[in-house]
Amino acid sequence: MELRATYRLQLGGGLDFARVGELVPYLRDLGISHLYLSPSLQAGAGSTHGYDVVDPTRVSAELGGELGLRELADAGLGIVLDVVPTT
């Protein structure tokens, strides 16, 4: 898929993968080709920002988990993930 335009979404609180999926038709109509999502990996319990990743091999359960991310990926827009490495 050709990258034409990205739209950044800060995930968390009331914006999970399922809710983003509901926005896909509108964003596609705007000409967006890819979603830029952050953060998406499993953060610490009670995290207010999601960047304190505790398991970089797991998609955030609070956002819908791997299944939710896969369903969003199948909705028709490309996905760019913002990954912050931890030590």
PDB file of N, CA and C in Angstrom:
ATOM      1  N   MET A   1       0.842  -1.170   0.000  1.00  0.00           N
ATOM      2  CA  MET A   1       0.000   0.000   0.000  1.00  0.00           C
ATOM      3  C   MET A   1       0.896   1.245   0.000  1.00  0.00           C
ATOM      4  N   GLU A   2       0.620   2.150  -0.920  1.00  0.00           N
ATOM      5  CA  GLU A   2       1.397   3.375  -1.020  1.00  0.00           C
ATOM      6  C   GLU A   2       1.065   4.334   0.128  1.00  0.00           C
ATOM      7  N   LEU A   3       2.086   4.876   0.746  1.00  0.00           N
ATOM      8  CA  LEU A   3       1.893   5.843   1.820  1.00  0.00           C
ATOM      9  C   LEU A   3       1.645   7.213   1.205  1.00  0.00           C
ATOM     10  N   ARG A   4       0.435   7.748   1.427  1.00  0.00           N
ATOM     11  CA  ARG A   4       0.080   9.064   0.903  1.00  0.00           C
ATOM     12  C   ARG A   4      -0.068  10.081   2.017  1.00  0.00           C
ATOM     13  N   ALA A   5      -0.745   9.678   3.086  1.00  0.00           N
ATOM     14  CA  ALA A   5      -0.995  10.601   4.195  1.00  0.00           C
ATOM     15  C   ALA A   5      -1.231   9.789   5.455  1.00  0.00           C
ATOM     16  N   THR A   6      -0.637  10.232   6.555  1.00  0.00           N
ATOM     17  CA  THR A   6      -0.848   9.559   7.834  1.00  0.00           C
ATOM     18  C   THR A   6      -1.728  10.419   8.724  1.00  0.00           C
ATOM     19  N   TYR A   7      -2.376   9.750   9.665  1.00  0.00           N
ATOM     20  CA  TYR A   7      -3.194  10.430  10.666  1.00  0.00           C
ATOM     21  C   TYR A   7      -2.798   9.858  12.011  1.00  0.00           C
ATOM     22  N   ARG A   8      -2.297  10.702  12.910  1.00  0.00           N
ATOM     23  CA  ARG A   8      -1.803  10.234  14.208  1.00  0.00           C
ATOM     24  C   ARG A   8      -2.934  10.177  15.221  1.00  0.00           C
ATOM     25  N   LEU A   9      -2.998   9.062  15.925  1.00  0.00           N
ATOM     26  CA  LEU A   9      -3.977   8.872  16.991  1.00  0.00           C
ATOM     27  C   LEU A   9      -3.270   8.455  18.263  1.00  0.00           C
ATOM     28  N   GLN A  10      -3.556   9.150  19.348  1.00  0.00           N
ATOM     29  CA  GLN A  10      -3.027   8.810  20.663  1.00  0.00           C
ATOM     30  C   GLN A  10      -4.020   7.838  21.308  1.00  0.00           C
ATOM     31  N   LEU A  11      -3.625   6.589  21.419  1.00  0.00           N
ATOM     32  CA  LEU A  11      -4.506   5.559  21.959  1.00  0.00           C
ATOM     33  C   LEU A  11      -4.551   5.611  23.476  1.00  0.00           C
ATOM     34  N   GLY A  12      -5.635   5.099  24.038  1.00  0.00           N
ATOM     35  CA  GLY A  12      -5.802   5.041  25.486  1.00  0.00           C
ATOM     36  C   GLY A  12      -7.167   5.558  25.868  1.00  0.00           C
ATOM     37  N   GLY A  13      -7.494   5.455  27.149  1.00  0.00           N
ATOM     38  CA  GLY A  13      -8.782   5.952  27.616  1.00  0.00           C
ATOM     39  C   GLY A  13      -9.933   5.489  26.753  1.00  0.00           C
ATOM     40  N   GLY A  14     -10.573   6.415  26.073  1.00  0.00           N
ATOM     41  CA  GLY A  14     -11.724   6.084  25.235  1.00  0.00           C
ATOM     42  C   GLY A  14     -11.391   5.802  23.788  1.00  0.00           C
ATOM     43  N   LEU A  15     -10.123   5.653  23.455  1.00  0.00           N
ATOM     44  CA  LEU A  15      -9.745   5.397  22.067  1.00  0.00           C
ATOM     45  C   LEU A  15      -8.913   4.126  21.973  1.00  0.00           C
ATOM     46  N   ASP A  16      -9.604   3.017  21.715  1.00  0.00           N
ATOM     47  CA  ASP A  16      -8.929   1.730  21.548  1.00  0.00           C
ATOM     48  C   ASP A  16      -9.006   1.311  20.081  1.00  0.00           C
ATOM     49  N   PHE A  17      -8.510   0.125  19.757  1.00  0.00           N
ATOM     50  CA  PHE A  17      -8.483  -0.334  18.373  1.00  0.00           C
ATOM     51  C   PHE A  17      -9.887  -0.401  17.771  1.00  0.00           C
ATOM     52  N   ALA A  18     -10.867  -0.849  18.537  1.00  0.00           N
ATOM     53  CA  ALA A  18     -12.237  -0.957  18.020  1.00  0.00           C
ATOM     54  C   ALA A  18     -12.796   0.421  17.669  1.00  0.00           C
ATOM     55  N   ARG A  19     -12.583   1.388  18.533  1.00  0.00           N
ATOM     56  CA  ARG A  19     -13.080   2.753  18.272  1.00  0.00           C
ATOM     57  C   ARG A  19     -12.381   3.351  17.063  1.00  0.00           C
ATOM     58  N   VAL A  20     -11.080   3.122  16.929  1.00  0.00           N
ATOM     59  CA  VAL A  20     -10.355   3.608  15.750  1.00  0.00           C
ATOM     60  C   VAL A  20     -10.933   2.961  14.497  1.00  0.00           C
ATOM     61  N   GLY A  21     -11.274   1.680  14.581  1.00  0.00           N
ATOM     62  CA  GLY A  21     -11.874   0.989  13.440  1.00  0.00           C
ATOM     63  C   GLY A  21     -13.148   1.665  12.957  1.00  0.00           C
ATOM     64  N   GLU A  22     -13.913   2.227  13.881  1.00  0.00           N
ATOM     65  CA  GLU A  22     -15.139   2.939  13.523  1.00  0.00           C
ATOM     66  C   GLU A  22     -14.842   4.223  12.745  1.00  0.00           C
ATOM     67  N   LEU A  23     -13.656   4.770  12.940  1.00  0.00           N
ATOM     68  CA  LEU A  23     -13.266   6.015  12.271  1.00  0.00           C
ATOM     69  C   LEU A  23     -12.679   5.794  10.878  1.00  0.00           C
ATOM     70  N   VAL A  24     -12.339   4.552  10.551  1.00  0.00           N
ATOM     71  CA  VAL A  24     -11.641   4.255   9.298  1.00  0.00           C
ATOM     72  C   VAL A  24     -12.381   4.770   8.062  1.00  0.00           C
ATOM     73  N   PRO A  25     -13.690   4.547   7.901  1.00  0.00           N
ATOM     74  CA  PRO A  25     -14.347   5.055   6.682  1.00  0.00           C
ATOM     75  C   PRO A  25     -14.210   6.574   6.527  1.00  0.00           C
ATOM     76  N   TYR A  26     -14.374   7.298   7.602  1.00  0.00           N
ATOM     77  CA  TYR A  26     -14.237   8.756   7.568  1.00  0.00           C
ATOM     78  C   TYR A  26     -12.811   9.161   7.192  1.00  0.00           C
ATOM     79  N   LEU A  27     -11.827   8.534   7.820  1.00  0.00           N
ATOM     80  CA  LEU A  27     -10.433   8.867   7.538  1.00  0.00           C
ATOM     81  C   LEU A  27     -10.058   8.514   6.108  1.00  0.00           C
ATOM     82  N   ARG A  28     -10.574   7.384   5.619  1.00  0.00           N
ATOM     83  CA  ARG A  28     -10.311   6.978   4.231  1.00  0.00           C
ATOM     84  C   ARG A  28     -10.883   8.031   3.269  1.00  0.00           C
ATOM     85  N   ASP A  29     -12.086   8.535   3.579  1.00  0.00           N
ATOM     86  CA  ASP A  29     -12.707   9.560   2.737  1.00  0.00           C
ATOM     87  C   ASP A  29     -11.889  10.849   2.720  1.00  0.00           C
ATOM     88  N   LEU A  30     -11.153  11.114   3.781  1.00  0.00           N
ATOM     89  CA  LEU A  30     -10.289  12.292   3.844  1.00  0.00           C
ATOM     90  C   LEU A  30      -9.008  12.127   3.026  1.00  0.00           C
ATOM     91  N   GLY A  31      -8.745  10.896   2.582  1.00  0.00           N
ATOM     92  CA  GLY A  31      -7.537  10.628   1.809  1.00  0.00           C
ATOM     93  C   GLY A  31      -6.400  10.041   2.624  1.00  0.00           C
ATOM     94  N   ILE A  32      -6.685   9.662   3.859  1.00  0.00           N
ATOM     95  CA  ILE A  32      -5.661   9.052   4.720  1.00  0.00           C
ATOM     96  C   ILE A  32      -5.362   7.646   4.212  1.00  0.00           C
ATOM     97  N   SER A  33      -4.084   7.304   4.121  1.00  0.00           N
ATOM     98  CA  SER A  33      -3.704   5.954   3.693  1.00  0.00           C
ATOM     99  C   SER A  33      -3.205   5.108   4.863  1.00  0.00           C
ATOM    100  N   HIS A  34      -2.664   5.780   5.914  1.00  0.00           N
ATOM    101  CA  HIS A  34      -2.081   5.050   7.039  1.00  0.00           C
ATOM    102  C   HIS A  34      -2.422   5.721   8.364  1.00  0.00           C
ATOM    103  N   LEU A  35      -2.629   4.899   9.370  1.00  0.00           N
ATOM    104  CA  LEU A  35      -2.809   5.372  10.737  1.00  0.00           C
ATOM    105  C   LEU A  35      -1.478   5.289  11.458  1.00  0.00           C
ATOM    106  N   TYR A  36      -1.145   6.328  12.176  1.00  0.00           N
ATOM    107  CA  TYR A  36       0.063   6.351  13.000  1.00  0.00           C
ATOM    108  C   TYR A  36      -0.429   6.225  14.441  1.00  0.00           C
ATOM    109  N   LEU A  37      -0.240   5.049  15.035  1.00  0.00           N
ATOM    110  CA  LEU A  37      -0.812   4.734  16.341  1.00  0.00           C
ATOM    111  C   LEU A  37       0.243   4.722  17.432  1.00  0.00           C
ATOM    112  N   SER A  38      -0.076   5.359  18.543  1.00  0.00           N
ATOM    113  CA  SER A  38       0.823   5.308  19.689  1.00  0.00           C
ATOM    114  C   SER A  38       0.022   5.464  20.965  1.00  0.00           C
ATOM    115  N   PRO A  39       0.434   4.856  21.998  1.00  0.00           N
ATOM    116  CA  PRO A  39       1.276   3.661  22.080  1.00  0.00           C
ATOM    117  C   PRO A  39       0.412   2.414  21.890  1.00  0.00           C
ATOM    118  N   SER A  40       1.004   1.300  21.540  1.00  0.00           N
ATOM    119  CA  SER A  40       0.243   0.094  21.228  1.00  0.00           C
ATOM    120  C   SER A  40       0.685  -1.153  21.990  1.00  0.00           C
ATOM    121  N   LEU A  41       1.838  -1.101  22.645  1.00  0.00           N
ATOM    122  CA  LEU A  41       2.343  -2.284  23.344  1.00  0.00           C
ATOM    123  C   LEU A  41       1.898  -2.293  24.808  1.00  0.00           C
ATOM    124  N   GLN A  42       2.057  -3.437  25.460  1.00  0.00           N
ATOM    125  CA  GLN A  42       1.559  -3.616  26.824  1.00  0.00           C
ATOM    126  C   GLN A  42       2.325  -2.754  27.823  1.00  0.00           C
ATOM    127  N   ALA A  43       1.608  -1.795  28.407  1.00  0.00           N
ATOM    128  CA  ALA A  43       2.191  -0.880  29.395  1.00  0.00           C
ATOM    129  C   ALA A  43       1.910  -1.381  30.802  1.00  0.00           C
ATOM    130  N   GLY A  44       2.535  -0.734  31.760  1.00  0.00           N
ATOM    131  CA  GLY A  44       2.334  -1.080  33.165  1.00  0.00           C
ATOM    132  C   GLY A  44       0.906  -0.809  33.616  1.00  0.00           C
ATOM    133  N   ALA A  45       0.463  -1.548  34.600  1.00  0.00           N
ATOM    134  CA  ALA A  45      -0.889  -1.369  35.136  1.00  0.00           C
ATOM    135  C   ALA A  45      -1.074   0.061  35.618  1.00  0.00           C
ATOM    136  N   GLY A  46      -2.190   0.668  35.239  1.00  0.00           N
ATOM    137  CA  GLY A  46      -2.490   2.021  35.667  1.00  0.00           C
ATOM    138  C   GLY A  46      -1.745   3.105  34.912  1.00  0.00           C
ATOM    139  N   SER A  47      -1.061   2.749  33.849  1.00  0.00           N
ATOM    140  CA  SER A  47      -0.304   3.728  33.077  1.00  0.00           C
ATOM    141  C   SER A  47      -1.243   4.813  32.553  1.00  0.00           C
ATOM    142  N   THR A  48      -0.815   6.059  32.665  1.00  0.00           N
ATOM    143  CA  THR A  48      -1.620   7.159  32.161  1.00  0.00           C
ATOM    144  C   THR A  48      -1.229   7.582  30.750  1.00  0.00           C
ATOM    145  N   HIS A  49      -0.096   7.066  30.257  1.00  0.00           N
ATOM    146  CA  HIS A  49       0.370   7.470  28.931  1.00  0.00           C
ATOM    147  C   HIS A  49       0.699   6.299  28.018  1.00  0.00           C
ATOM    148  N   GLY A  50       0.899   5.092  28.563  1.00  0.00           N
ATOM    149  CA  GLY A  50       1.137   3.907  27.755  1.00  0.00           C
ATOM    150  C   GLY A  50       2.550   3.702  27.262  1.00  0.00           C
ATOM    151  N   TYR A  51       3.457   4.614  27.548  1.00  0.00           N
ATOM    152  CA  TYR A  51       4.827   4.473  27.065  1.00  0.00           C
ATOM    153  C   TYR A  51       5.735   3.723  28.030  1.00  0.00           C
ATOM    154  N   ASP A  52       5.232   3.379  29.215  1.00  0.00           N
ATOM    155  CA  ASP A  52       6.026   2.599  30.162  1.00  0.00           C
ATOM    156  C   ASP A  52       5.776   1.115  29.908  1.00  0.00           C
ATOM    157  N   VAL A  53       6.288   0.657  28.784  1.00  0.00           N
ATOM    158  CA  VAL A  53       6.054  -0.703  28.293  1.00  0.00           C
ATOM    159  C   VAL A  53       6.682  -1.733  29.225  1.00  0.00           C
ATOM    160  N   VAL A  54       5.895  -2.732  29.593  1.00  0.00           N
ATOM    161  CA  VAL A  54       6.395  -3.808  30.446  1.00  0.00           C
ATOM    162  C   VAL A  54       6.615  -5.095  29.656  1.00  0.00           C
ATOM    163  N   ASP A  55       5.979  -5.202  28.476  1.00  0.00           N
ATOM    164  CA  ASP A  55       6.159  -6.383  27.641  1.00  0.00           C
ATOM    165  C   ASP A  55       6.134  -5.973  26.171  1.00  0.00           C
ATOM    166  N   PRO A  56       7.311  -5.811  25.571  1.00  0.00           N
ATOM    167  CA  PRO A  56       7.368  -5.364  24.182  1.00  0.00           C
ATOM    168  C   PRO A  56       6.943  -6.430  23.173  1.00  0.00           C
ATOM    169  N   THR A  57       6.647  -7.631  23.644  1.00  0.00           N
ATOM    170  CA  THR A  57       6.211  -8.695  22.744  1.00  0.00           C
ATOM    171  C   THR A  57       4.694  -8.841  22.722  1.00  0.00           C
ATOM    172  N   ARG A  58       4.000  -7.989  23.484  1.00  0.00           N
ATOM    173  CA  ARG A  58       2.550  -8.113  23.597  1.00  0.00           C
ATOM    174  C   ARG A  58       1.864  -6.797  23.245  1.00  0.00           C
ATOM    175  N   VAL A  59       0.812  -6.906  22.434  1.00  0.00           N
ATOM    176  CA  VAL A  59      -0.022  -5.747  22.117  1.00  0.00           C
ATOM    177  C   VAL A  59      -0.895  -5.467  23.339  1.00  0.00           C
ATOM    178  N   SER A  60      -1.135  -4.218  23.621  1.00  0.00           N
ATOM    179  CA  SER A  60      -1.892  -3.799  24.795  1.00  0.00           C
ATOM    180  C   SER A  60      -3.258  -4.470  24.898  1.00  0.00           C
ATOM    181  N   ALA A  61      -3.465  -5.194  25.986  1.00  0.00           N
ATOM    182  CA  ALA A  61      -4.758  -5.840  26.232  1.00  0.00           C
ATOM    183  C   ALA A  61      -5.847  -4.794  26.414  1.00  0.00           C
ATOM    184  N   GLU A  62      -5.523  -3.678  27.039  1.00  0.00           N
ATOM    185  CA  GLU A  62      -6.497  -2.619  27.289  1.00  0.00           C
ATOM    186  C   GLU A  62      -7.012  -1.983  26.003  1.00  0.00           C
ATOM    187  N   LEU A  63      -6.202  -2.034  24.955  1.00  0.00           N
ATOM    188  CA  LEU A  63      -6.606  -1.454  23.674  1.00  0.00           C
ATOM    189  C   LEU A  63      -7.320  -2.455  22.774  1.00  0.00           C
ATOM    190  N   GLY A  64      -7.339  -3.722  23.167  1.00  0.00           N
ATOM    191  CA  GLY A  64      -8.002  -4.740  22.361  1.00  0.00           C
ATOM    192  C   GLY A  64      -7.132  -5.920  22.006  1.00  0.00           C
ATOM    193  N   GLY A  65      -5.867  -5.868  22.436  1.00  0.00           N
ATOM    194  CA  GLY A  65      -4.961  -6.993  22.221  1.00  0.00           C
ATOM    195  C   GLY A  65      -4.597  -7.208  20.762  1.00  0.00           C
ATOM    196  N   GLU A  66      -3.912  -8.305  20.522  1.00  0.00           N
ATOM    197  CA  GLU A  66      -3.455  -8.622  19.172  1.00  0.00           C
ATOM    198  C   GLU A  66      -4.629  -8.784  18.213  1.00  0.00           C
ATOM    199  N   LEU A  67      -5.708  -9.417  18.677  1.00  0.00           N
ATOM    200  CA  LEU A  67      -6.879  -9.601  17.819  1.00  0.00           C
ATOM    201  C   LEU A  67      -7.464  -8.250  17.399  1.00  0.00           C
ATOM    202  N   GLY A  68      -7.567  -7.323  18.340  1.00  0.00           N
ATOM    203  CA  GLY A  68      -8.090  -6.003  18.018  1.00  0.00           C
ATOM    204  C   GLY A  68      -7.228  -5.264  17.013  1.00  0.00           C
ATOM    205  N   LEU A  69      -5.911  -5.385  17.162  1.00  0.00           N
ATOM    206  CA  LEU A  69      -5.002  -4.747  16.221  1.00  0.00           C
ATOM    207  C   LEU A  69      -5.107  -5.394  14.843  1.00  0.00           C
ATOM    208  N   ARG A  70      -5.216  -6.713  14.805  1.00  0.00           N
ATOM    209  CA  ARG A  70      -5.364  -7.409  13.518  1.00  0.00           C
ATOM    210  C   ARG A  70      -6.650  -7.000  12.814  1.00  0.00           C
ATOM    211  N   GLU A  71      -7.742  -6.878  13.578  1.00  0.00           N
ATOM    212  CA  GLU A  71      -9.014  -6.457  12.987  1.00  0.00           C
ATOM    213  C   GLU A  71      -8.911  -5.036  12.438  1.00  0.00           C
ATOM    214  N   LEU A  72      -8.231  -4.165  13.162  1.00  0.00           N
ATOM    215  CA  LEU A  72      -8.030  -2.806  12.680  1.00  0.00           C
ATOM    216  C   LEU A  72      -7.187  -2.823  11.405  1.00  0.00           C
ATOM    217  N   ALA A  73      -6.153  -3.632  11.370  1.00  0.00           N
ATOM    218  CA  ALA A  73      -5.300  -3.732  10.186  1.00  0.00           C
ATOM    219  C   ALA A  73      -6.091  -4.222   8.973  1.00  0.00           C
ATOM    220  N   ASP A  74      -7.109  -5.034   9.213  1.00  0.00           N
ATOM    221  CA  ASP A  74      -7.941  -5.551   8.121  1.00  0.00           C
ATOM    222  C   ASP A  74      -8.999  -4.545   7.671  1.00  0.00           C
ATOM    223  N   ALA A  75      -9.112  -3.408   8.356  1.00  0.00           N
ATOM    224  CA  ALA A  75     -10.155  -2.424   8.045  1.00  0.00           C
ATOM    225  C   ALA A  75      -9.849  -1.592   6.801  1.00  0.00           C
ATOM    226  N   GLY A  76      -8.634  -1.681   6.290  1.00  0.00           N
ATOM    227  CA  GLY A  76      -8.357  -1.040   5.013  1.00  0.00           C
ATOM    228  C   GLY A  76      -7.338   0.075   4.987  1.00  0.00           C
ATOM    229  N   LEU A  77      -6.798   0.474   6.136  1.00  0.00           N
ATOM    230  CA  LEU A  77      -5.737   1.476   6.150  1.00  0.00           C
ATOM    231  C   LEU A  77      -4.455   0.819   6.644  1.00  0.00           C
ATOM    232  N   GLY A  78      -3.320   1.312   6.174  1.00  0.00           N
ATOM    233  CA  GLY A  78      -2.054   0.830   6.684  1.00  0.00           C
ATOM    234  C   GLY A  78      -1.848   1.319   8.105  1.00  0.00           C
ATOM    235  N   ILE A  79      -0.936   0.698   8.814  1.00  0.00           N
ATOM    236  CA  ILE A  79      -0.678   1.074  10.205  1.00  0.00           C
ATOM    237  C   ILE A  79       0.818   1.294  10.405  1.00  0.00           C
ATOM    238  N   VAL A  80       1.141   2.397  11.032  1.00  0.00           N
ATOM    239  CA  VAL A  80       2.500   2.707  11.459  1.00  0.00           C
ATOM    240  C   VAL A  80       2.448   2.742  12.986  1.00  0.00           C
ATOM    241  N   LEU A  81       3.279   1.915  13.630  1.00  0.00           N
ATOM    242  CA  LEU A  81       3.294   1.862  15.089  1.00  0.00           C
ATOM    243  C   LEU A  81       4.437   2.694  15.651  1.00  0.00           C
ATOM    244  N   ASP A  82       4.141   3.442  16.684  1.00  0.00           N
ATOM    245  CA  ASP A  82       5.148   4.203  17.406  1.00  0.00           C
ATOM    246  C   ASP A  82       5.662   3.299  18.522  1.00  0.00           C
ATOM    247  N   VAL A  83       6.909   2.896  18.434  1.00  0.00           N
ATOM    248  CA  VAL A  83       7.489   1.988  19.417  1.00  0.00           C
ATOM    249  C   VAL A  83       8.610   2.710  20.152  1.00  0.00           C
ATOM    250  N   VAL A  84       8.526   2.753  21.466  1.00  0.00           N
ATOM    251  CA  VAL A  84       9.561   3.360  22.282  1.00  0.00           C
ATOM    252  C   VAL A  84      10.319   2.238  22.987  1.00  0.00           C
ATOM    253  N   PRO A  85      11.584   2.023  22.632  1.00  0.00           N
ATOM    254  CA  PRO A  85      12.330   0.933  23.264  1.00  0.00           C
ATOM    255  C   PRO A  85      12.577   1.219  24.751  1.00  0.00           C
ATOM    256  N   THR A  86      12.552   0.153  25.531  1.00  0.00           N
ATOM    257  CA  THR A  86      12.824   0.269  26.958  1.00  0.00           C
ATOM    258  C   THR A  86      14.100  -0.494  27.277  1.00  0.00           C
ATOM    259  N   THR A  87      14.687  -0.174  28.405  1.00  0.00           N
ATOM    260  CA  THR A  87      15.916  -0.864  28.795  1.00  0.00           C
ATOM    261  C   THR A  87      15.622  -1.892  29.854  1.00  0.00           C
TER     262      THR A  87
END
